[in-house]
Amino acid sequence: MERTRENDYNFKYNSVCNSFAGATQLKVSEITVKSLANYLKLDYSSLSEEEILELAMLLKTSQAFVKDYTDLNDEQIDEHETFAIAVFVLIQDMYDNRSLYIDKNNLNRVVDMILGMHSINLL
């Protein structure tokens, strides 16, 4: 099979879902640093305390971004599994680029589409 960006996302999505075995729906509030490390293909047991704190900070930052972008609260965000995927993609981008901010002008198209579908602050 040819390697494409879509195939990579599908593989990562399946990896994330497998890390939540038994869960009926992937919720943003249930994303843990351990599942995040798994998504980023990091060995959680070998991470330093500093690296774990960095991942936790990236998780909080991406969750806040999703809430700010859509103007939805935690409960509303947990109703849509697609937000969890957006959080993972945002975190991967911040982790890969070692950036602690999200540039709204260069937002990943997948994330932009997911968040745009559910935004209620369309001003």
Protein backbone atom coordinates (compact mmCIF):
# COMPACT_ATOMS: atom_id res chain seq x y z
CA MET A 1 0.00 0.00 0.00
CA GLU A 2 1.27 3.44 -0.92
CA ARG A 3 2.08 5.64 2.07
CA THR A 4 -0.03 8.77 2.08
CA ARG A 5 -0.92 11.37 4.67
CA GLU A 6 -4.46 9.98 4.82
CA ASN A 7 -3.15 6.47 5.51
CA ASP A 8 -0.91 7.86 8.26
CA TYR A 9 -3.89 9.59 9.89
CA ASN A 10 -5.97 6.41 9.64
CA PHE A 11 -3.17 4.38 11.21
CA LYS A 12 -2.76 6.87 14.04
CA TYR A 13 -6.52 7.07 14.55
CA ASN A 14 -6.69 3.28 14.88
CA SER A 15 -3.72 3.32 17.27
CA VAL A 16 -5.43 5.90 19.44
CA CYS A 17 -8.69 3.98 19.45
CA ASN A 18 -6.86 0.79 20.39
CA SER A 19 -5.32 2.58 23.38
CA PHE A 20 -8.87 3.19 24.61
CA ALA A 21 -9.92 -0.45 24.29
CA GLY A 22 -13.43 -0.92 25.60
CA ALA A 23 -14.34 2.75 25.26
CA THR A 24 -17.49 3.40 23.27
CA GLN A 25 -16.43 6.87 22.18
CA LEU A 26 -13.14 8.67 22.28
CA LYS A 27 -13.62 11.80 24.41
CA VAL A 28 -11.29 14.76 24.74
CA SER A 29 -11.62 14.66 28.53
CA GLU A 30 -10.37 11.06 28.57
CA ILE A 31 -7.14 11.71 26.67
CA THR A 32 -4.22 10.98 28.96
CA VAL A 33 -0.54 11.70 28.70
CA LYS A 34 0.02 7.96 28.32
CA SER A 35 -2.38 7.70 25.35
CA LEU A 36 -0.80 10.82 23.92
CA ALA A 37 2.67 9.27 24.19
CA ASN A 38 1.34 6.18 22.43
CA TYR A 39 -0.07 8.34 19.62
CA LEU A 40 3.27 10.13 19.25
CA LYS A 41 5.02 6.73 19.20
CA LEU A 42 6.92 7.47 22.40
CA ASP A 43 7.73 4.89 25.05
CA TYR A 44 5.85 6.26 28.04
CA SER A 45 7.89 4.26 30.55
CA SER A 46 11.12 5.84 29.34
CA LEU A 47 9.90 9.46 29.39
CA SER A 48 11.48 11.82 31.88
CA GLU A 49 9.35 13.83 34.28
CA GLU A 50 10.09 16.92 32.22
CA GLU A 51 8.86 15.23 29.03
CA ILE A 52 5.68 14.06 30.76
CA LEU A 53 5.03 17.60 31.99
CA GLU A 54 5.63 18.92 28.46
CA LEU A 55 3.07 16.49 27.03
CA ALA A 56 0.58 17.44 29.76
CA MET A 57 1.07 21.11 28.91
CA LEU A 58 0.54 20.41 25.19
CA LEU A 59 -2.63 18.50 26.04
CA LYS A 60 -4.04 21.38 28.12
CA THR A 61 -3.07 23.91 25.43
CA SER A 62 -4.75 21.99 22.63
CA GLN A 63 -7.90 21.38 24.69
CA ALA A 64 -8.12 25.10 25.47
CA PHE A 65 -7.60 25.94 21.80
CA VAL A 66 -10.48 23.69 20.76
CA LYS A 67 -12.77 25.29 23.36
CA ASP A 68 -11.72 28.83 22.40
CA TYR A 69 -12.02 28.16 18.66
CA THR A 70 -15.49 26.60 18.87
CA ASP A 71 -16.86 28.42 21.93
CA LEU A 72 -18.10 25.05 23.24
CA ASN A 73 -17.74 23.82 26.82
CA ASP A 74 -16.14 20.56 28.00
CA GLU A 75 -19.39 18.59 27.91
CA GLN A 76 -20.24 19.72 24.40
CA ILE A 77 -16.76 18.88 23.15
CA ASP A 78 -16.99 15.37 24.60
CA GLU A 79 -20.14 14.75 22.55
CA HIS A 80 -18.11 14.64 19.32
CA GLU A 81 -15.36 12.07 18.84
CA THR A 82 -13.84 14.15 16.06
CA PHE A 83 -12.62 16.70 18.61
CA ALA A 84 -10.34 14.06 20.12
CA ILE A 85 -8.73 13.57 16.72
CA ALA A 86 -8.30 17.35 16.37
CA VAL A 87 -6.61 17.45 19.79
CA PHE A 88 -4.19 14.66 18.83
CA VAL A 89 -3.32 16.34 15.52
CA LEU A 90 -2.77 19.71 17.22
CA ILE A 91 -0.53 18.12 19.81
CA GLN A 92 1.45 16.24 17.20
CA ASP A 93 2.03 19.47 15.29
CA MET A 94 3.14 21.33 18.43
CA TYR A 95 5.34 18.40 19.50
CA ASP A 96 6.95 17.93 16.08
CA ASN A 97 7.67 21.65 15.77
CA ARG A 98 8.53 22.16 19.45
CA SER A 99 6.08 25.00 19.50
CA LEU A 100 3.87 25.99 22.40
CA TYR A 101 1.45 28.02 20.32
CA ILE A 102 -0.98 27.31 17.53
CA ASP A 103 -0.83 29.52 14.46
CA LYS A 104 -4.45 30.03 13.35
CA ASN A 105 -3.22 31.22 9.94
CA ASN A 106 -1.45 27.90 9.28
CA LEU A 107 -3.87 25.54 10.99
CA ASN A 108 -3.85 21.93 9.82
CA ARG A 109 -6.70 21.51 7.30
CA VAL A 110 -8.12 18.47 9.09
CA VAL A 111 -8.25 20.35 12.38
CA ASP A 112 -9.68 23.44 10.71
CA MET A 113 -12.46 21.39 9.11
CA ILE A 114 -13.31 19.50 12.30
CA LEU A 115 -13.42 22.62 14.45
CA GLY A 116 -15.22 24.63 11.79
CA MET A 117 -18.02 22.07 11.60
CA HIS A 118 -18.85 22.59 15.26
CA SER A 119 -18.05 26.26 15.86
CA ILE A 120 -20.85 28.34 17.33
CA ASN A 121 -18.91 31.62 17.43
CA LEU A 122 -19.01 32.38 13.73
CA LEU A 123 -18.33 36.09 13.97
